[in-house]
Amino acid sequence: MMNEKERPFEKKKCPRCSNAFVCSASAKCWCFEYDVAPETMELIQDTWQGCLCSDCLKSFSKQK
């Protein structure tokens, strides 16, 4: 079993803007740093499949 430090990084492409980014696929992911309203997260999940890049997720954040 892998611990969090051994989890592989995944190369992904943002479904919103097509920018490439790297996901750590762990609970320490950068996406947890943004404060996005629950209803906005639901809209994001209903609109795009997969993770958004940091810039796109930040644009939906309450802490712009």
PDB file of N, CA and C in Angstrom:
ATOM      1  N   MET A   1       0.836  -1.185   0.000  1.00  0.00           N
ATOM      2  CA  MET A   1       0.000   0.000   0.000  1.00  0.00           C
ATOM      3  C   MET A   1       0.883   1.252   0.000  1.00  0.00           C
ATOM      4  N   MET A   2       0.535   2.236  -0.821  1.00  0.00           N
ATOM      5  CA  MET A   2       1.327   3.460  -0.920  1.00  0.00           C
ATOM      6  C   MET A   2       0.922   4.443   0.167  1.00  0.00           C
ATOM      7  N   ASN A   3       1.914   5.124   0.732  1.00  0.00           N
ATOM      8  CA  ASN A   3       1.558   6.222   1.612  1.00  0.00           C
ATOM      9  C   ASN A   3       1.490   7.481   0.750  1.00  0.00           C
ATOM     10  N   GLU A   4       1.071   8.609   1.346  1.00  0.00           N
ATOM     11  CA  GLU A   4       0.863   9.821   0.548  1.00  0.00           C
ATOM     12  C   GLU A   4       2.118  10.308  -0.147  1.00  0.00           C
ATOM     13  N   LYS A   5       3.278  10.118   0.452  1.00  0.00           N
ATOM     14  CA  LYS A   5       4.517  10.575  -0.173  1.00  0.00           C
ATOM     15  C   LYS A   5       4.872   9.752  -1.398  1.00  0.00           C
ATOM     16  N   GLU A   6       4.348   8.519  -1.491  1.00  0.00           N
ATOM     17  CA  GLU A   6       4.674   7.644  -2.609  1.00  0.00           C
ATOM     18  C   GLU A   6       3.656   7.720  -3.742  1.00  0.00           C
ATOM     19  N   ARG A   7       2.582   8.453  -3.544  1.00  0.00           N
ATOM     20  CA  ARG A   7       1.559   8.525  -4.587  1.00  0.00           C
ATOM     21  C   ARG A   7       2.130   9.191  -5.827  1.00  0.00           C
ATOM     22  N   PRO A   8       1.833   8.635  -6.967  1.00  0.00           N
ATOM     23  CA  PRO A   8       2.366   9.207  -8.210  1.00  0.00           C
ATOM     24  C   PRO A   8       1.677  10.523  -8.573  1.00  0.00           C
ATOM     25  N   PHE A   9       2.391  11.347  -9.296  1.00  0.00           N
ATOM     26  CA  PHE A   9       1.809  12.573  -9.817  1.00  0.00           C
ATOM     27  C   PHE A   9       1.207  12.255 -11.181  1.00  0.00           C
ATOM     28  N   GLU A  10       0.059  12.830 -11.440  1.00  0.00           N
ATOM     29  CA  GLU A  10      -0.614  12.595 -12.713  1.00  0.00           C
ATOM     30  C   GLU A  10      -0.598  13.871 -13.548  1.00  0.00           C
ATOM     31  N   LYS A  11      -0.267  13.714 -14.818  1.00  0.00           N
ATOM     32  CA  LYS A  11      -0.373  14.834 -15.749  1.00  0.00           C
ATOM     33  C   LYS A  11      -1.812  14.871 -16.210  1.00  0.00           C
ATOM     34  N   LYS A  12      -2.426  16.054 -16.098  1.00  0.00           N
ATOM     35  CA  LYS A  12      -3.822  16.207 -16.498  1.00  0.00           C
ATOM     36  C   LYS A  12      -3.977  17.435 -17.384  1.00  0.00           C
ATOM     37  N   LYS A  13      -5.123  17.502 -18.043  1.00  0.00           N
ATOM     38  CA  LYS A  13      -5.461  18.629 -18.893  1.00  0.00           C
ATOM     39  C   LYS A  13      -6.780  19.201 -18.374  1.00  0.00           C
ATOM     40  N   CYS A  14      -6.803  20.481 -18.099  1.00  0.00           N
ATOM     41  CA  CYS A  14      -7.997  21.126 -17.566  1.00  0.00           C
ATOM     42  C   CYS A  14      -9.129  21.053 -18.597  1.00  0.00           C
ATOM     43  N   PRO A  15     -10.287  20.528 -18.195  1.00  0.00           N
ATOM     44  CA  PRO A  15     -11.399  20.433 -19.139  1.00  0.00           C
ATOM     45  C   PRO A  15     -12.032  21.791 -19.469  1.00  0.00           C
ATOM     46  N   ARG A  16     -11.710  22.815 -18.692  1.00  0.00           N
ATOM     47  CA  ARG A  16     -12.281  24.150 -18.922  1.00  0.00           C
ATOM     48  C   ARG A  16     -11.424  24.968 -19.882  1.00  0.00           C
ATOM     49  N   CYS A  17     -10.103  24.987 -19.660  1.00  0.00           N
ATOM     50  CA  CYS A  17      -9.230  25.864 -20.462  1.00  0.00           C
ATOM     51  C   CYS A  17      -8.182  25.112 -21.280  1.00  0.00           C
ATOM     52  N   SER A  18      -8.073  23.815 -21.072  1.00  0.00           N
ATOM     53  CA  SER A  18      -7.130  22.935 -21.768  1.00  0.00           C
ATOM     54  C   SER A  18      -5.677  23.098 -21.336  1.00  0.00           C
ATOM     55  N   ASN A  19      -5.401  23.870 -20.279  1.00  0.00           N
ATOM     56  CA  ASN A  19      -4.031  23.970 -19.767  1.00  0.00           C
ATOM     57  C   ASN A  19      -3.620  22.657 -19.120  1.00  0.00           C
ATOM     58  N   ALA A  20      -2.355  22.314 -19.285  1.00  0.00           N
ATOM     59  CA  ALA A  20      -1.814  21.112 -18.648  1.00  0.00           C
ATOM     60  C   ALA A  20      -1.422  21.452 -17.217  1.00  0.00           C
ATOM     61  N   PHE A  21      -1.602  20.484 -16.309  1.00  0.00           N
ATOM     62  CA  PHE A  21      -1.173  20.661 -14.925  1.00  0.00           C
ATOM     63  C   PHE A  21      -0.873  19.302 -14.329  1.00  0.00           C
ATOM     64  N   VAL A  22      -0.247  19.314 -13.166  1.00  0.00           N
ATOM     65  CA  VAL A  22       0.115  18.071 -12.497  1.00  0.00           C
ATOM     66  C   VAL A  22      -0.722  17.948 -11.229  1.00  0.00           C
ATOM     67  N   CYS A  23      -1.325  16.791 -11.046  1.00  0.00           N
ATOM     68  CA  CYS A  23      -2.158  16.516  -9.876  1.00  0.00           C
ATOM     69  C   CYS A  23      -1.418  15.517  -8.993  1.00  0.00           C
ATOM     70  N   SER A  24      -1.400  15.792  -7.697  1.00  0.00           N
ATOM     71  CA  SER A  24      -0.726  14.873  -6.780  1.00  0.00           C
ATOM     72  C   SER A  24      -1.644  13.741  -6.353  1.00  0.00           C
ATOM     73  N   ALA A  25      -2.923  13.838  -6.676  1.00  0.00           N
ATOM     74  CA  ALA A  25      -3.901  12.799  -6.348  1.00  0.00           C
ATOM     75  C   ALA A  25      -3.858  12.424  -4.870  1.00  0.00           C
ATOM     76  N   SER A  26      -3.722  13.408  -4.024  1.00  0.00           N
ATOM     77  CA  SER A  26      -3.691  13.144  -2.588  1.00  0.00           C
ATOM     78  C   SER A  26      -4.539  14.164  -1.839  1.00  0.00           C
ATOM     79  N   ALA A  27      -4.704  13.949  -0.576  1.00  0.00           N
ATOM     80  CA  ALA A  27      -5.471  14.869   0.254  1.00  0.00           C
ATOM     81  C   ALA A  27      -4.748  16.193   0.445  1.00  0.00           C
ATOM     82  N   LYS A  28      -3.496  16.284   0.025  1.00  0.00           N
ATOM     83  CA  LYS A  28      -2.737  17.524   0.142  1.00  0.00           C
ATOM     84  C   LYS A  28      -2.704  18.286  -1.186  1.00  0.00           C
ATOM     85  N   CYS A  29      -3.643  18.024  -2.025  1.00  0.00           N
ATOM     86  CA  CYS A  29      -3.709  18.656  -3.339  1.00  0.00           C
ATOM     87  C   CYS A  29      -3.925  20.160  -3.192  1.00  0.00           C
ATOM     88  N   TRP A  30      -3.384  20.940  -4.090  1.00  0.00           N
ATOM     89  CA  TRP A  30      -3.530  22.393  -4.080  1.00  0.00           C
ATOM     90  C   TRP A  30      -4.990  22.814  -4.164  1.00  0.00           C
ATOM     91  N   CYS A  31      -5.847  21.981  -4.726  1.00  0.00           N
ATOM     92  CA  CYS A  31      -7.251  22.376  -4.895  1.00  0.00           C
ATOM     93  C   CYS A  31      -7.960  22.577  -3.557  1.00  0.00           C
ATOM     94  N   PHE A  32      -7.433  21.989  -2.486  1.00  0.00           N
ATOM     95  CA  PHE A  32      -8.028  22.183  -1.166  1.00  0.00           C
ATOM     96  C   PHE A  32      -7.675  23.557  -0.588  1.00  0.00           C
ATOM     97  N   GLU A  33      -6.810  24.306  -1.250  1.00  0.00           N
ATOM     98  CA  GLU A  33      -6.421  25.632  -0.782  1.00  0.00           C
ATOM     99  C   GLU A  33      -7.442  26.704  -1.152  1.00  0.00           C
ATOM    100  N   TYR A  34      -8.365  26.395  -2.058  1.00  0.00           N
ATOM    101  CA  TYR A  34      -9.345  27.375  -2.520  1.00  0.00           C
ATOM    102  C   TYR A  34     -10.680  27.182  -1.811  1.00  0.00           C
ATOM    103  N   ASP A  35     -11.308  28.298  -1.472  1.00  0.00           N
ATOM    104  CA  ASP A  35     -12.601  28.282  -0.801  1.00  0.00           C
ATOM    105  C   ASP A  35     -13.681  28.496  -1.862  1.00  0.00           C
ATOM    106  N   VAL A  36     -14.239  27.394  -2.320  1.00  0.00           N
ATOM    107  CA  VAL A  36     -15.267  27.438  -3.358  1.00  0.00           C
ATOM    108  C   VAL A  36     -16.596  27.047  -2.716  1.00  0.00           C
ATOM    109  N   ALA A  37     -17.611  27.855  -2.933  1.00  0.00           N
ATOM    110  CA  ALA A  37     -18.930  27.596  -2.357  1.00  0.00           C
ATOM    111  C   ALA A  37     -19.450  26.230  -2.815  1.00  0.00           C
ATOM    112  N   PRO A  38     -20.143  25.516  -1.929  1.00  0.00           N
ATOM    113  CA  PRO A  38     -20.665  24.186  -2.281  1.00  0.00           C
ATOM    114  C   PRO A  38     -21.520  24.182  -3.552  1.00  0.00           C
ATOM    115  N   GLU A  39     -22.360  25.200  -3.721  1.00  0.00           N
ATOM    116  CA  GLU A  39     -23.204  25.248  -4.929  1.00  0.00           C
ATOM    117  C   GLU A  39     -22.360  25.483  -6.179  1.00  0.00           C
ATOM    118  N   THR A  40     -21.256  26.208  -6.039  1.00  0.00           N
ATOM    119  CA  THR A  40     -20.349  26.423  -7.163  1.00  0.00           C
ATOM    120  C   THR A  40     -19.605  25.133  -7.491  1.00  0.00           C
ATOM    121  N   MET A  41     -19.179  24.398  -6.465  1.00  0.00           N
ATOM    122  CA  MET A  41     -18.517  23.107  -6.694  1.00  0.00           C
ATOM    123  C   MET A  41     -19.459  22.154  -7.420  1.00  0.00           C
ATOM    124  N   GLU A  42     -20.726  22.180  -7.046  1.00  0.00           N
ATOM    125  CA  GLU A  42     -21.720  21.324  -7.710  1.00  0.00           C
ATOM    126  C   GLU A  42     -21.847  21.711  -9.185  1.00  0.00           C
ATOM    127  N   LEU A  43     -21.884  23.013  -9.464  1.00  0.00           N
ATOM    128  CA  LEU A  43     -21.951  23.495 -10.846  1.00  0.00           C
ATOM    129  C   LEU A  43     -20.719  23.050 -11.635  1.00  0.00           C
ATOM    130  N   ILE A  44     -19.537  23.179 -11.025  1.00  0.00           N
ATOM    131  CA  ILE A  44     -18.291  22.759 -11.676  1.00  0.00           C
ATOM    132  C   ILE A  44     -18.349  21.272 -12.004  1.00  0.00           C
ATOM    133  N   GLN A  45     -18.760  20.463 -11.040  1.00  0.00           N
ATOM    134  CA  GLN A  45     -18.812  19.014 -11.242  1.00  0.00           C
ATOM    135  C   GLN A  45     -19.851  18.618 -12.286  1.00  0.00           C
ATOM    136  N   ASP A  46     -20.959  19.384 -12.364  1.00  0.00           N
ATOM    137  CA  ASP A  46     -21.990  19.100 -13.356  1.00  0.00           C
ATOM    138  C   ASP A  46     -21.589  19.554 -14.761  1.00  0.00           C
ATOM    139  N   THR A  47     -20.692  20.530 -14.838  1.00  0.00           N
ATOM    140  CA  THR A  47     -20.308  21.117 -16.122  1.00  0.00           C
ATOM    141  C   THR A  47     -19.086  20.454 -16.743  1.00  0.00           C
ATOM    142  N   TRP A  48     -18.075  20.151 -15.925  1.00  0.00           N
ATOM    143  CA  TRP A  48     -16.829  19.582 -16.430  1.00  0.00           C
ATOM    144  C   TRP A  48     -16.520  18.273 -15.746  1.00  0.00           C
ATOM    145  N   GLN A  49     -15.928  17.375 -16.479  1.00  0.00           N
ATOM    146  CA  GLN A  49     -15.531  16.091 -15.910  1.00  0.00           C
ATOM    147  C   GLN A  49     -14.050  16.142 -15.569  1.00  0.00           C
ATOM    148  N   GLY A  50     -13.717  15.873 -14.339  1.00  0.00           N
ATOM    149  CA  GLY A  50     -12.329  15.873 -13.909  1.00  0.00           C
ATOM    150  C   GLY A  50     -11.959  17.155 -13.190  1.00  0.00           C
ATOM    151  N   CYS A  51     -10.689  17.262 -12.879  1.00  0.00           N
ATOM    152  CA  CYS A  51     -10.161  18.389 -12.108  1.00  0.00           C
ATOM    153  C   CYS A  51      -9.939  19.605 -12.992  1.00  0.00           C
ATOM    154  N   LEU A  52     -10.165  20.779 -12.402  1.00  0.00           N
ATOM    155  CA  LEU A  52      -9.824  22.025 -13.074  1.00  0.00           C
ATOM    156  C   LEU A  52      -8.421  22.430 -12.648  1.00  0.00           C
ATOM    157  N   CYS A  53      -7.734  23.178 -13.501  1.00  0.00           N
ATOM    158  CA  CYS A  53      -6.399  23.668 -13.151  1.00  0.00           C
ATOM    159  C   CYS A  53      -6.518  24.725 -12.057  1.00  0.00           C
ATOM    160  N   SER A  54      -5.397  25.084 -11.485  1.00  0.00           N
ATOM    161  CA  SER A  54      -5.359  26.051 -10.401  1.00  0.00           C
ATOM    162  C   SER A  54      -5.967  27.394 -10.807  1.00  0.00           C
ATOM    163  N   ASP A  55      -5.637  27.884 -11.979  1.00  0.00           N
ATOM    164  CA  ASP A  55      -6.155  29.185 -12.421  1.00  0.00           C
ATOM    165  C   ASP A  55      -7.675  29.168 -12.562  1.00  0.00           C
ATOM    166  N   CYS A  56      -8.208  28.111 -13.149  1.00  0.00           N
ATOM    167  CA  CYS A  56      -9.661  28.027 -13.325  1.00  0.00           C
ATOM    168  C   CYS A  56     -10.368  27.880 -11.984  1.00  0.00           C
ATOM    169  N   LEU A  57      -9.852  27.019 -11.124  1.00  0.00           N
ATOM    170  CA  LEU A  57     -10.488  26.832  -9.830  1.00  0.00           C
ATOM    171  C   LEU A  57     -10.427  28.122  -9.015  1.00  0.00           C
ATOM    172  N   LYS A  58      -9.315  28.816  -9.121  1.00  0.00           N
ATOM    173  CA  LYS A  58      -9.171  30.087  -8.394  1.00  0.00           C
ATOM    174  C   LYS A  58     -10.213  31.101  -8.871  1.00  0.00           C
ATOM    175  N   SER A  59     -10.562  31.074 -10.143  1.00  0.00           N
ATOM    176  CA  SER A  59     -11.538  32.020 -10.673  1.00  0.00           C
ATOM    177  C   SER A  59     -12.929  31.804 -10.071  1.00  0.00           C
ATOM    178  N   PHE A  60     -13.174  30.607  -9.530  1.00  0.00           N
ATOM    179  CA  PHE A  60     -14.455  30.311  -8.879  1.00  0.00           C
ATOM    180  C   PHE A  60     -14.374  30.493  -7.361  1.00  0.00           C
ATOM    181  N   SER A  61     -13.202  30.800  -6.872  1.00  0.00           N
ATOM    182  CA  SER A  61     -12.970  30.875  -5.422  1.00  0.00           C
ATOM    183  C   SER A  61     -13.563  32.146  -4.828  1.00  0.00           C
ATOM    184  N   LYS A  62     -13.988  32.043  -3.568  1.00  0.00           N
ATOM    185  CA  LYS A  62     -14.495  33.196  -2.834  1.00  0.00           C
ATOM    186  C   LYS A  62     -13.377  34.131  -2.423  1.00  0.00           C
ATOM    187  N   GLN A  63     -12.121  33.670  -2.490  1.00  0.00           N
ATOM    188  CA  GLN A  63     -10.978  34.463  -2.035  1.00  0.00           C
ATOM    189  C   GLN A  63     -10.187  35.083  -3.172  1.00  0.00           C
ATOM    190  N   LYS A  64     -10.801  35.403  -4.267  1.00  0.00           N
ATOM    191  CA  LYS A  64     -10.136  35.936  -5.464  1.00  0.00           C
ATOM    192  C   LYS A  64      -9.179  36.977  -5.104  1.00  0.00           C
TER     193      LYS A  64
END
